[in-house]
Protein backbone atom coordinates (compact mmCIF):
# COMPACT_ATOMS: atom_id res chain seq x y z
CA UNK A 1 82.28 51.68 56.12
CA UNK A 2 83.14 48.28 57.55
CA UNK A 3 86.56 48.32 55.91
CA UNK A 4 87.25 51.79 57.34
CA UNK A 5 86.33 50.62 60.81
CA UNK A 6 88.53 47.55 60.46
CA UNK A 7 91.46 49.58 59.20
CA UNK A 8 91.13 52.01 62.08
CA UNK A 9 91.00 49.21 64.59
CA UNK A 10 94.02 47.61 63.01
CA UNK A 11 95.83 50.95 63.18
CA UNK A 12 95.02 51.26 66.85
CA UNK A 13 96.12 47.71 67.54
CA UNK A 14 99.34 48.21 65.60
CA UNK A 15 100.29 51.38 67.59
CA UNK A 16 102.92 50.74 70.27
CA UNK A 17 101.70 50.65 73.86
CA UNK A 18 103.67 51.82 76.88
CA UNK A 19 104.30 49.15 79.37
CA UNK A 20 103.50 49.80 83.07
CA UNK A 21 107.09 48.99 84.01
CA UNK A 22 108.39 51.62 81.62
CA UNK A 23 106.09 54.27 83.09
CA UNK A 24 107.26 53.43 86.58
CA UNK A 25 110.87 53.68 85.42
CA UNK A 26 110.30 57.14 83.95
CA UNK A 27 108.51 58.26 87.12
CA UNK A 28 111.38 57.09 89.29
CA UNK A 29 113.93 58.80 87.06
CA UNK A 30 111.96 62.08 87.19
CA UNK A 31 111.70 61.78 90.97
CA UNK A 32 115.46 61.24 91.27
CA UNK A 33 116.11 64.24 89.03
CA UNK A 34 113.79 66.43 91.11
CA UNK A 35 115.42 65.31 94.34
CA UNK A 36 118.84 66.06 92.84
CA UNK A 37 117.78 69.65 92.15
CA UNK A 38 116.33 69.96 95.66
CA UNK A 39 119.45 68.54 97.31
CA UNK A 40 121.26 71.95 97.64
CA UNK A 41 118.16 73.41 99.31
CA UNK A 42 117.89 70.50 101.74
CA UNK A 43 121.62 70.75 102.49
CA UNK A 44 121.29 74.46 103.24
CA UNK A 45 118.33 73.86 105.52
CA UNK A 46 120.16 71.06 107.30
CA UNK A 47 123.40 72.97 107.85
CA UNK A 48 122.25 76.54 108.38
CA UNK A 49 118.85 75.94 109.98
CA UNK A 50 118.50 72.66 111.83
CA UNK A 51 122.14 72.19 112.78
CA UNK A 52 122.54 75.87 113.64
CA UNK A 53 119.43 75.85 115.79
CA UNK A 54 120.46 72.65 117.58
CA UNK A 55 123.97 73.93 118.19
CA UNK A 56 122.58 77.19 119.56
CA UNK A 57 120.34 75.27 121.97
CA UNK A 58 123.31 73.27 123.23
CA UNK A 59 125.48 76.40 123.44
CA UNK A 60 122.90 78.09 125.67
CA UNK A 61 123.71 75.54 128.41
CA UNK A 62 127.44 76.29 128.31
CA UNK A 63 129.99 78.99 129.00
CA UNK A 64 131.64 79.69 125.66
CA UNK A 65 134.34 82.20 124.87
CA UNK A 66 136.30 83.16 121.79
CA UNK A 67 138.81 80.36 122.35
CA UNK A 68 138.63 76.91 123.85
CA UNK A 69 135.88 74.37 124.10
CA UNK A 70 132.55 75.40 125.69
CA UNK A 71 132.08 74.39 129.32
CA UNK A 72 128.75 72.89 130.32
CA UNK A 73 126.90 74.95 132.98
CA UNK A 74 123.44 73.45 133.04
CA UNK A 75 120.64 76.01 133.44
CA UNK A 76 122.85 78.76 134.90
CA UNK A 77 122.50 80.94 131.80
CA UNK A 78 118.72 80.73 131.96
CA UNK A 79 118.73 81.59 135.66
CA UNK A 80 120.88 84.60 134.83
CA UNK A 81 118.17 85.86 132.45
CA UNK A 82 115.86 86.71 135.34
CA UNK A 83 118.48 88.87 137.06
CA UNK A 84 119.71 90.75 133.97
CA UNK A 85 118.50 94.35 134.12
CA UNK A 86 120.01 95.13 130.71
CA UNK A 87 117.95 92.36 129.16
CA UNK A 88 114.83 93.81 130.78
CA UNK A 89 115.57 97.19 129.17
CA UNK A 90 116.10 95.52 125.79
CA UNK A 91 112.80 93.62 126.00
CA UNK A 92 110.87 96.70 127.10
CA UNK A 93 112.31 98.68 124.18
CA UNK A 94 111.50 95.84 121.77
CA UNK A 95 107.86 95.64 122.83
CA UNK A 96 107.62 99.43 122.82
CA UNK A 97 108.81 99.56 119.23
CA UNK A 98 106.27 96.86 118.34
CA UNK A 99 103.47 98.87 119.92
CA UNK A 100 104.19 101.81 117.59
CA UNK A 101 105.63 100.22 114.45
CA UNK A 102 103.02 97.52 113.82
CA UNK A 103 100.00 99.90 113.92
CA UNK A 104 102.01 102.44 111.92
CA UNK A 105 102.76 99.96 109.14
CA UNK A 106 99.15 98.73 109.06
CA UNK A 107 97.65 102.24 108.94
CA UNK A 108 100.05 103.59 106.30
CA UNK A 109 99.74 100.45 104.15
CA UNK A 110 95.96 100.47 104.40
CA UNK A 111 95.79 104.15 103.49
CA UNK A 112 98.11 103.73 100.48
CA UNK A 113 96.27 100.61 99.28
CA UNK A 114 92.95 102.46 99.50
CA UNK A 115 94.31 105.38 97.49
CA UNK A 116 95.66 102.99 94.87
CA UNK A 117 92.12 101.71 94.34
CA UNK A 118 91.07 105.09 92.92
CA UNK A 119 92.01 106.74 89.66
CA UNK A 120 93.43 110.24 89.89
CA UNK A 121 96.03 112.37 88.19
CA UNK A 122 99.49 111.07 89.04
CA UNK A 123 98.27 107.63 90.16
CA UNK A 124 101.12 105.86 88.34
CA UNK A 125 103.70 108.11 89.97
CA UNK A 126 102.08 107.54 93.35
CA UNK A 127 102.33 103.77 92.93
CA UNK A 128 106.00 104.08 92.00
CA UNK A 129 106.66 106.20 95.09
CA UNK A 130 104.83 103.69 97.28
CA UNK A 131 107.06 100.85 96.07
CA UNK A 132 110.25 102.93 96.20
CA UNK A 133 111.21 102.00 99.83
CA UNK A 134 111.11 98.29 98.89
CA UNK A 135 113.94 98.76 96.37
CA UNK A 136 115.88 101.43 98.29
CA UNK A 137 119.07 100.53 100.13
CA UNK A 138 118.12 100.25 103.83
CA UNK A 139 121.50 101.48 105.07
CA UNK A 140 121.38 104.57 102.87
CA UNK A 141 117.80 105.33 103.96
CA UNK A 142 118.69 104.93 107.64
CA UNK A 143 121.70 107.24 107.33
CA UNK A 144 119.56 109.78 105.45
CA UNK A 145 116.95 109.81 108.22
CA UNK A 146 119.72 110.10 110.79
CA UNK A 147 120.91 113.24 109.05
CA UNK A 148 117.36 114.63 108.79
CA UNK A 149 116.84 114.20 112.56
CA UNK A 150 120.29 115.47 113.50
CA UNK A 151 119.99 117.86 116.45
CA UNK A 152 122.08 120.81 115.25
CA UNK A 153 122.05 120.64 111.46
CA UNK A 154 119.10 118.40 110.61
CA UNK A 155 116.31 119.62 108.35
CA UNK A 156 113.61 118.55 110.81
CA UNK A 157 114.91 120.81 113.55
CA UNK A 158 115.53 123.56 110.98
CA UNK A 159 111.85 123.41 110.01
CA UNK A 160 110.83 123.45 113.68
CA UNK A 161 112.97 126.54 114.31
CA UNK A 162 111.55 128.22 111.21
CA UNK A 163 108.09 127.79 112.71
CA UNK A 164 109.22 129.38 115.98
CA UNK A 165 109.89 126.23 117.99
CA UNK A 166 112.94 124.94 119.81
CA UNK A 167 115.21 122.24 118.37
CA UNK A 168 114.52 118.75 119.65
CA UNK A 169 117.22 116.39 120.86
CA UNK A 170 115.87 113.39 118.97
CA UNK A 171 118.62 111.03 120.11
CA UNK A 172 118.80 112.29 123.69
CA UNK A 173 115.52 110.95 125.04
CA UNK A 174 113.52 107.74 124.94
CA UNK A 175 110.61 109.51 123.25
CA UNK A 176 112.82 110.96 120.53
CA UNK A 177 114.57 107.66 119.79
CA UNK A 178 111.23 105.84 119.68
CA UNK A 179 109.79 108.40 117.28
CA UNK A 180 112.79 108.31 114.93
CA UNK A 181 113.05 104.51 114.89
CA UNK A 182 109.29 104.19 114.30
CA UNK A 183 109.35 106.60 111.36
CA UNK A 184 112.32 104.83 109.74
CA UNK A 185 110.98 101.30 110.17
CA UNK A 186 107.49 102.26 108.95
CA UNK A 187 109.04 103.93 105.89
CA UNK A 188 111.16 100.89 105.07
CA UNK A 189 108.40 98.35 105.76
CA UNK A 190 105.10 99.62 104.32
CA UNK A 191 105.64 98.95 100.60
CA UNK A 192 105.16 95.17 100.49
CA UNK A 193 102.18 95.22 102.93
CA UNK A 194 100.60 97.86 100.69
CA UNK A 195 100.83 95.53 97.69
CA UNK A 196 99.37 92.67 99.76
CA UNK A 197 96.43 94.76 100.96
CA UNK A 198 95.89 96.20 97.48
CA UNK A 199 95.68 92.69 96.04
CA UNK A 200 93.23 91.73 98.80
CA UNK A 201 91.04 94.73 97.97
CA UNK A 202 91.01 93.81 94.28
CA UNK A 203 89.64 90.37 95.19
CA UNK A 204 86.56 91.84 96.89
CA UNK A 205 83.61 91.51 94.47
CA UNK A 206 82.31 94.84 93.18
CA UNK A 207 78.73 93.54 93.50
CA UNK A 208 79.06 93.73 97.29
CA UNK A 209 79.84 97.45 97.13
CA UNK A 210 77.04 98.04 94.61
CA UNK A 211 74.52 96.33 96.88
CA UNK A 212 75.71 98.37 99.86
CA UNK A 213 75.42 101.60 97.84
CA UNK A 214 71.87 100.72 96.86
CA UNK A 215 71.07 100.21 100.55
CA UNK A 216 72.37 103.71 101.27
CA UNK A 217 75.78 102.93 102.77
CA UNK A 218 78.32 105.71 102.35
CA UNK A 219 82.07 105.35 101.64
CA UNK A 220 83.01 105.27 105.33
CA UNK A 221 80.33 102.69 106.15
CA UNK A 222 81.37 100.53 103.19
CA UNK A 223 85.00 100.68 104.26
CA UNK A 224 84.39 99.57 107.85
CA UNK A 225 81.52 97.16 107.14
CA UNK A 226 82.75 95.55 103.91
CA UNK A 227 86.39 96.29 103.14
CA UNK A 228 87.92 95.64 106.54
CA UNK A 229 86.03 92.37 107.29
CA UNK A 230 86.73 90.92 103.84
CA UNK A 231 90.32 92.15 104.01
CA UNK A 232 90.97 90.62 107.44
CA UNK A 233 93.01 87.61 106.14
CA UNK A 234 95.44 89.96 104.41
CA UNK A 235 95.51 92.25 107.44
CA UNK A 236 96.28 89.30 109.69
CA UNK A 237 99.21 88.29 107.48
CA UNK A 238 100.57 91.85 107.52
CA UNK A 239 100.23 92.12 111.31
CA UNK A 240 101.88 88.73 111.87
CA UNK A 241 104.88 89.30 109.60
CA UNK A 242 105.40 92.89 110.77
CA UNK A 243 105.27 91.84 114.42
CA UNK A 244 107.84 89.08 113.91
CA UNK A 245 110.20 91.35 111.97
CA UNK A 246 109.88 94.11 114.59
CA UNK A 247 110.66 91.70 117.42
CA UNK A 248 113.88 90.93 115.53
CA UNK A 249 114.71 94.61 114.96
CA UNK A 250 118.44 95.20 114.73
CA UNK A 251 119.77 97.00 111.65
CA UNK A 252 118.04 100.34 112.24
CA UNK A 253 119.23 100.78 115.83
CA UNK A 254 122.68 99.40 115.01
CA UNK A 255 123.29 101.93 112.21
CA UNK A 256 121.36 104.84 113.69
CA UNK A 257 122.53 104.65 117.30
CA UNK A 258 126.27 103.97 117.61
CA UNK A 259 127.63 102.65 120.92
CA UNK A 260 129.57 105.90 121.39
CA UNK A 261 126.29 107.56 122.43
CA UNK A 262 125.42 105.77 125.68
CA UNK A 263 122.04 107.45 126.21
CA UNK A 264 120.66 106.86 122.72
CA UNK A 265 122.12 103.34 122.60
CA UNK A 266 120.26 102.56 125.84
CA UNK A 267 116.98 104.00 124.55
CA UNK A 268 117.28 102.03 121.32
CA UNK A 269 118.61 98.78 122.75
CA UNK A 270 116.61 95.83 121.41
CA UNK A 271 116.77 92.12 122.19
CA UNK A 272 118.69 91.27 119.01
CA UNK A 273 121.03 94.24 119.50
CA UNK A 274 121.73 93.03 123.02
CA UNK A 275 122.39 89.53 121.68
CA UNK A 276 124.86 91.03 119.20
CA UNK A 277 126.71 92.83 121.97
CA UNK A 278 126.99 89.65 124.03
CA UNK A 279 127.93 87.33 121.18
CA UNK A 280 130.28 89.50 119.10
CA UNK A 281 131.52 92.30 121.36
CA UNK A 282 131.73 90.44 124.69
CA UNK A 283 132.92 87.15 123.21
CA UNK A 284 133.17 85.53 126.63
CA UNK A 285 129.35 85.54 126.86
CA UNK A 286 128.54 83.51 123.77
CA UNK A 287 126.77 80.89 125.85
CA UNK A 288 124.65 83.47 127.61
CA UNK A 289 123.98 85.18 124.28
CA UNK A 290 122.56 81.88 123.02
CA UNK A 291 120.26 81.78 126.03
CA UNK A 292 119.07 85.29 125.17
CA UNK A 293 118.37 84.21 121.59
CA UNK A 294 116.41 81.19 122.84
CA UNK A 295 114.32 83.48 125.05
CA UNK A 296 113.60 85.66 122.03
CA UNK A 297 112.63 82.56 120.05
CA UNK A 298 110.14 81.56 122.76
CA UNK A 299 108.72 85.10 122.84
CA UNK A 300 108.24 85.18 119.05
CA UNK A 301 106.65 81.73 119.13
CA UNK A 302 104.30 82.74 121.95
CA UNK A 303 103.27 85.98 120.23
CA UNK A 304 102.65 84.10 116.97
CA UNK A 305 100.49 81.52 118.73
CA UNK A 306 98.47 84.28 120.42
CA UNK A 307 97.90 86.00 117.07
CA UNK A 308 96.83 82.73 115.46
CA UNK A 309 94.44 82.17 118.33
CA UNK A 310 92.97 85.65 117.95
CA UNK A 311 92.45 85.21 114.23
CA UNK A 312 89.55 82.84 114.95
CA UNK A 313 87.63 85.78 116.36
CA UNK A 314 88.70 88.65 114.10
CA UNK A 315 89.64 87.07 110.76
CA UNK A 316 86.80 86.20 108.38
CA UNK A 317 87.57 83.85 105.50
CA UNK A 318 85.39 83.34 102.46
CA UNK A 319 84.00 79.99 103.55
CA UNK A 320 82.75 81.47 106.82
CA UNK A 321 79.92 83.18 104.94
């Protein structure tokens, strides 16, 4: 037994040991390799994010056209913001779309996530249909909805006439444009929030529902007293991301409402759409367009800060008990 112990100790002593300097060398080499792989990402962030943002800030203090060097104007572009009626219309439309789209996405996503919690015939097909808008081509979906809501030949007005009603000029009034844009954006946006809320519901312990059932709580009481409070972190994330994306709404109104229709283009004018018109159609207003984009950045930042402040009151995390 003593010989075995001695031989083992000799074997341990004879095994090669790694020197601290060698370990440090390997760590530095791994760090350099990791930084080399991250270099393209850092370069993209530096060029397309930080430099682009800084250049846009500087451009907002200038008068820039399609040709020639920008001319410094000071704060004239920002003073012009307060006297721009068109910008006021764009901001009102943007907030109006937010007021309808964000609750619509939350309600539809919450309803679909709740249905996905239950087993029923065709549940797999229902889940596939729920995720279908996430993989659909947005342009094709927008054009399809534009055809459905077409005044003379659209299927929506055909169904209304079949029921004895009068055709609706969906693109000829502010109410019609708001309704169409809301339906399209909610359809294109509810799939991913549904998955997020569904995952949040799966994380709620089943023992909580069992205890509530024993105490006599019905399905509606359990939903409002258990599901919604415990799901509030996921709901907050959905509200925050949907609000930010809606404040930057552009593609739907750009494809759905062409500039050849002055009335509908006015009813659907958003802040980003107005920026596009200034920066790419009226190329002499690139400096003022940058000021508009900076105003939108401040608005998004302010709305985000307000939502983060409100989460302290309405969002309940697990550690809060």
